């Protein structure tokens, strides 16, 4: 899955540098020059990660980070703070405002991209391009291939995203609404029963390998992926 990264930076040269490096690494860049335009993007659809400049016109990056962490809908979106401030107290303030990581300007593009990948692995592992394995299944996001005990499995794009999410969140129970938000996006309006249709298709694809039981129904709660 391609991660959508919101770049909140008011300096055009730095914004251009961020866009170049983010897209070079295969991510989709969404640009915002201030907190207001950032919130406009966020209200339309949640990004997978936010690169947030501390010093912004109007509302600061610190204020925006606090606002996002206080909102149930946005509280779990990963944030990396960008700033020219390198004092330890400033770093602590940035992290306490809700940032997952902190990098000072001028920064190395290579280091920044390594930080982005690390935060995505930690906070949204389904956005990583690393191959994942679980209970005899192996899934490669880069080649879009899935195998079960060595045999290839043919999956549609939605079933692939669903399985990738499950394999990176083993043993956790997710409601239909949560799965809709994670797989389809929080601003895509489809019926909850759509999840059931794709769960059924995923199980049918896993059935020849005998692994369909890994996708479990949790009565009254939703679905869980289990290797046990």
Protein backbone atom coordinates (compact mmCIF):
# COMPACT_ATOMS: atom_id res chain seq x y z
CA UNK A 1 0.00 0.00 0.00
CA UNK A 2 1.28 3.47 -0.89
CA UNK A 3 1.41 5.78 2.11
CA UNK A 4 -0.05 9.28 1.79
CA UNK A 5 2.23 11.78 3.51
CA UNK A 6 0.99 15.27 4.34
CA UNK A 7 3.82 17.84 4.13
CA UNK A 8 3.02 20.90 6.24
CA UNK A 9 5.82 23.36 5.42
CA UNK A 10 5.61 27.06 4.48
CA UNK A 11 9.09 27.45 2.95
CA UNK A 12 8.80 26.66 -0.79
CA UNK A 13 12.38 25.37 -1.16
CA UNK A 14 12.02 22.93 1.73
CA UNK A 15 8.52 21.92 0.55
CA UNK A 16 9.96 21.13 -2.89
CA UNK A 17 12.78 19.09 -1.34
CA UNK A 18 10.31 17.12 0.78
CA UNK A 19 8.04 16.42 -2.19
CA UNK A 20 10.98 15.18 -4.26
CA UNK A 21 12.31 12.81 -1.60
CA UNK A 22 8.90 11.50 -0.54
CA UNK A 23 7.84 10.70 -4.11
CA UNK A 24 11.25 9.20 -4.94
CA UNK A 25 10.65 6.69 -2.14
CA UNK A 26 7.28 5.71 -3.59
CA UNK A 27 5.03 7.67 -1.25
CA UNK A 28 2.30 10.11 -2.29
CA UNK A 29 2.99 13.70 -1.25
CA UNK A 30 0.16 16.02 -0.17
CA UNK A 31 1.19 19.65 0.27
CA UNK A 32 0.01 22.23 2.80
CA UNK A 33 1.56 25.63 3.52
CA UNK A 34 -0.10 26.26 6.88
CA UNK A 35 -2.23 24.67 9.60
CA UNK A 36 -5.52 25.75 8.03
CA UNK A 37 -4.79 24.10 4.68
CA UNK A 38 -3.45 21.04 6.50
CA UNK A 39 -6.74 20.70 8.40
CA UNK A 40 -8.63 21.07 5.13
CA UNK A 41 -6.75 18.07 3.69
CA UNK A 42 -7.18 16.09 6.92
CA UNK A 43 -10.93 16.76 7.04
CA UNK A 44 -11.19 15.28 3.54
CA UNK A 45 -9.10 12.17 4.23
CA UNK A 46 -6.63 11.07 6.89
CA UNK A 47 -3.00 10.94 5.76
CA UNK A 48 -0.84 8.00 6.80
CA UNK A 49 1.85 10.31 8.22
CA UNK A 50 2.34 14.06 8.70
CA UNK A 51 5.64 15.91 8.32
CA UNK A 52 4.93 19.03 10.35
CA UNK A 53 7.01 22.20 10.50
CA UNK A 54 7.18 23.82 13.92
CA UNK A 55 7.12 27.44 12.68
CA UNK A 56 4.05 28.03 10.53
CA UNK A 57 2.13 31.22 9.71
CA UNK A 58 -0.90 31.56 11.95
CA UNK A 59 -1.26 28.45 14.10
CA UNK A 60 2.09 26.79 14.91
CA UNK A 61 3.00 23.17 14.30
CA UNK A 62 2.94 22.55 18.05
CA UNK A 63 -0.63 23.85 18.26
CA UNK A 64 -1.69 21.74 15.28
CA UNK A 65 -0.09 18.61 16.75
CA UNK A 66 -1.93 19.13 20.03
CA UNK A 67 -5.20 19.66 18.17
CA UNK A 68 -4.74 16.46 16.20
CA UNK A 69 -3.90 14.42 19.30
CA UNK A 70 -6.98 15.75 21.11
CA UNK A 71 -9.32 14.57 18.34
CA UNK A 72 -10.46 10.94 18.39
CA UNK A 73 -10.36 10.75 14.59
CA UNK A 74 -6.80 12.04 14.19
CA UNK A 75 -5.14 11.06 17.45
CA UNK A 76 -3.31 8.05 15.96
CA UNK A 77 -1.96 9.69 12.80
CA UNK A 78 1.88 9.57 13.00
CA UNK A 79 3.60 12.97 13.16
CA UNK A 80 7.25 13.85 12.55
CA UNK A 81 8.12 17.39 13.63
CA UNK A 82 10.50 19.45 11.46
CA UNK A 83 12.19 22.45 13.04
CA UNK A 84 15.30 24.62 13.17
CA UNK A 85 15.10 24.49 16.97
CA UNK A 86 17.66 22.07 18.41
CA UNK A 87 17.52 22.90 22.10
CA UNK A 88 16.70 19.88 24.27
CA UNK A 89 13.72 21.67 25.84
CA UNK A 90 12.28 22.31 22.38
CA UNK A 91 12.67 18.65 21.46
CA UNK A 92 10.89 17.62 24.64
CA UNK A 93 8.10 20.12 23.94
CA UNK A 94 7.71 18.78 20.40
CA UNK A 95 7.48 15.18 21.59
CA UNK A 96 5.14 16.06 24.45
CA UNK A 97 2.82 17.81 21.99
CA UNK A 98 2.27 14.43 20.36
CA UNK A 99 5.00 14.10 17.73
CA UNK A 100 6.30 10.56 17.17
CA UNK A 101 9.71 11.82 16.08
CA UNK A 102 11.65 15.06 15.78
CA UNK A 103 14.24 16.13 13.21
CA UNK A 104 16.11 19.43 13.04
CA UNK A 105 16.88 21.56 9.99
CA UNK A 106 19.04 21.36 8.01
CA UNK A 107 18.44 17.64 7.72
CA UNK A 108 19.80 14.84 5.57
CA UNK A 109 17.14 13.60 3.14
CA UNK A 110 18.44 10.07 3.69
CA UNK A 111 18.00 10.39 7.45
CA UNK A 112 14.54 11.91 7.05
CA UNK A 113 13.36 9.05 4.82
CA UNK A 114 14.81 6.52 7.29
CA UNK A 115 12.82 8.23 10.07
CA UNK A 116 9.66 8.14 7.94
CA UNK A 117 10.06 4.42 7.25
CA UNK A 118 10.74 3.72 10.93
CA UNK A 119 7.65 5.61 12.11
CA UNK A 120 5.45 3.94 9.48
CA UNK A 121 6.75 0.51 10.50
CA UNK A 122 6.00 1.28 14.13
CA UNK A 123 2.66 3.09 13.81
CA UNK A 124 1.18 1.79 10.52
CA UNK A 125 3.04 -1.41 9.62
CA UNK A 126 0.66 -2.14 6.74
CA UNK A 127 2.21 0.87 4.96
CA UNK A 128 5.68 -0.68 4.98
CA UNK A 129 7.05 -2.31 1.84
CA UNK A 130 8.69 -5.09 3.85
CA UNK A 131 7.67 -8.71 3.22
CA UNK A 132 5.57 -10.08 6.08
CA UNK A 133 5.10 -13.72 7.13
CA UNK A 134 2.55 -15.34 9.43
CA UNK A 135 1.35 -18.90 9.91
CA UNK A 136 2.59 -20.22 6.56
CA UNK A 137 1.55 -17.12 4.62
CA UNK A 138 4.05 -14.77 3.03
CA UNK A 139 3.04 -11.42 1.51
CA UNK A 140 5.23 -9.05 -0.49
CA UNK A 141 3.87 -5.50 -0.90
CA UNK A 142 6.46 -4.65 -3.57
CA UNK A 143 5.68 -7.59 -5.89
CA UNK A 144 2.02 -7.85 -4.82
CA UNK A 145 2.41 -11.60 -4.36
CA UNK A 146 1.07 -13.89 -1.66
CA UNK A 147 2.05 -17.49 -1.04
CA UNK A 148 0.67 -20.12 1.33
CA UNK A 149 3.20 -22.77 2.31
CA UNK A 150 5.08 -21.94 -0.88
CA UNK A 151 2.07 -22.05 -3.24
CA UNK A 152 1.01 -18.79 -4.89
CA UNK A 153 -2.43 -17.34 -4.06
CA UNK A 154 -4.37 -15.08 -6.42
CA UNK A 155 -5.97 -12.14 -4.58
CA UNK A 156 -7.86 -9.09 -5.76
CA UNK A 157 -6.52 -5.67 -4.71
CA UNK A 158 -8.96 -5.21 -1.82
CA UNK A 159 -8.39 -8.74 -0.48
CA UNK A 160 -4.64 -8.11 -0.75
CA UNK A 161 -4.88 -4.91 1.32
CA UNK A 162 -7.16 -6.64 3.81
CA UNK A 163 -4.75 -9.57 4.25
CA UNK A 164 -1.76 -7.22 4.53
CA UNK A 165 -3.52 -5.29 7.29
CA UNK A 166 -4.45 -8.49 9.13
CA UNK A 167 -0.93 -9.94 8.85
CA UNK A 168 0.56 -6.78 10.37
CA UNK A 169 -2.02 -6.73 13.20
CA UNK A 170 -2.15 -10.36 14.27
CA UNK A 171 -4.55 -11.36 17.10
CA UNK A 172 -6.23 -7.94 17.26
CA UNK A 173 -9.99 -7.69 16.83
CA UNK A 174 -11.31 -5.07 14.41
CA UNK A 175 -14.91 -4.04 13.86
CA UNK A 176 -16.33 -3.63 10.36
CA UNK A 177 -16.18 0.15 10.78
CA UNK A 178 -12.52 0.03 11.77
CA UNK A 179 -11.68 -2.18 8.79
CA UNK A 180 -13.55 0.16 6.46
CA UNK A 181 -11.49 3.09 7.74
CA UNK A 182 -8.20 1.18 7.46
CA UNK A 183 -8.73 -0.51 4.08
CA UNK A 184 -11.11 1.78 2.21
CA UNK A 185 -10.33 5.09 3.95
CA UNK A 186 -12.26 7.02 6.57
CA UNK A 187 -14.08 9.18 4.00
CA UNK A 188 -15.20 6.41 1.64
CA UNK A 189 -18.88 5.77 2.23
CA UNK A 190 -19.68 2.11 1.69
CA UNK A 191 -21.89 -0.24 3.67
CA UNK A 192 -20.35 -2.20 6.53
CA UNK A 193 -21.53 -5.44 4.91
CA UNK A 194 -19.02 -4.75 2.15
CA UNK A 195 -16.39 -5.95 4.62
CA UNK A 196 -18.18 -9.30 4.94
CA UNK A 197 -18.11 -9.77 1.16
CA UNK A 198 -14.35 -9.27 0.98
CA UNK A 199 -13.72 -11.38 4.07
CA UNK A 200 -15.61 -14.20 2.34
CA UNK A 201 -13.53 -13.76 -0.83
CA UNK A 202 -10.32 -13.77 1.20
CA UNK A 203 -11.31 -16.98 2.96
CA UNK A 204 -12.20 -18.61 -0.36
CA UNK A 205 -8.75 -17.72 -1.72
CA UNK A 206 -7.09 -19.23 1.37
CA UNK A 207 -9.27 -22.34 1.39
CA UNK A 208 -7.17 -24.50 -1.01
CA UNK A 209 -4.20 -24.12 1.35
CA UNK A 210 -6.32 -24.89 4.42
CA UNK A 211 -5.57 -21.50 6.00
CA UNK A 212 -9.01 -19.91 5.73
CA UNK A 213 -9.52 -20.46 9.48
CA UNK A 214 -6.85 -17.83 10.21
CA UNK A 215 -9.44 -15.16 9.37
CA UNK A 216 -11.77 -15.51 12.34
CA UNK A 217 -15.17 -14.03 13.09
CA UNK A 218 -15.47 -12.64 16.62
CA UNK A 219 -19.18 -12.67 17.35
CA UNK A 220 -20.54 -9.22 18.17
CA UNK A 221 -17.17 -7.53 17.62
CA UNK A 222 -15.78 -8.08 14.13
CA UNK A 223 -12.84 -10.03 12.75
CA UNK A 224 -9.45 -11.23 13.91
CA UNK A 225 -6.45 -12.76 12.15
CA UNK A 226 -4.90 -15.55 14.20
CA UNK A 227 -2.11 -18.06 13.59
CA UNK A 228 -3.32 -20.28 16.46
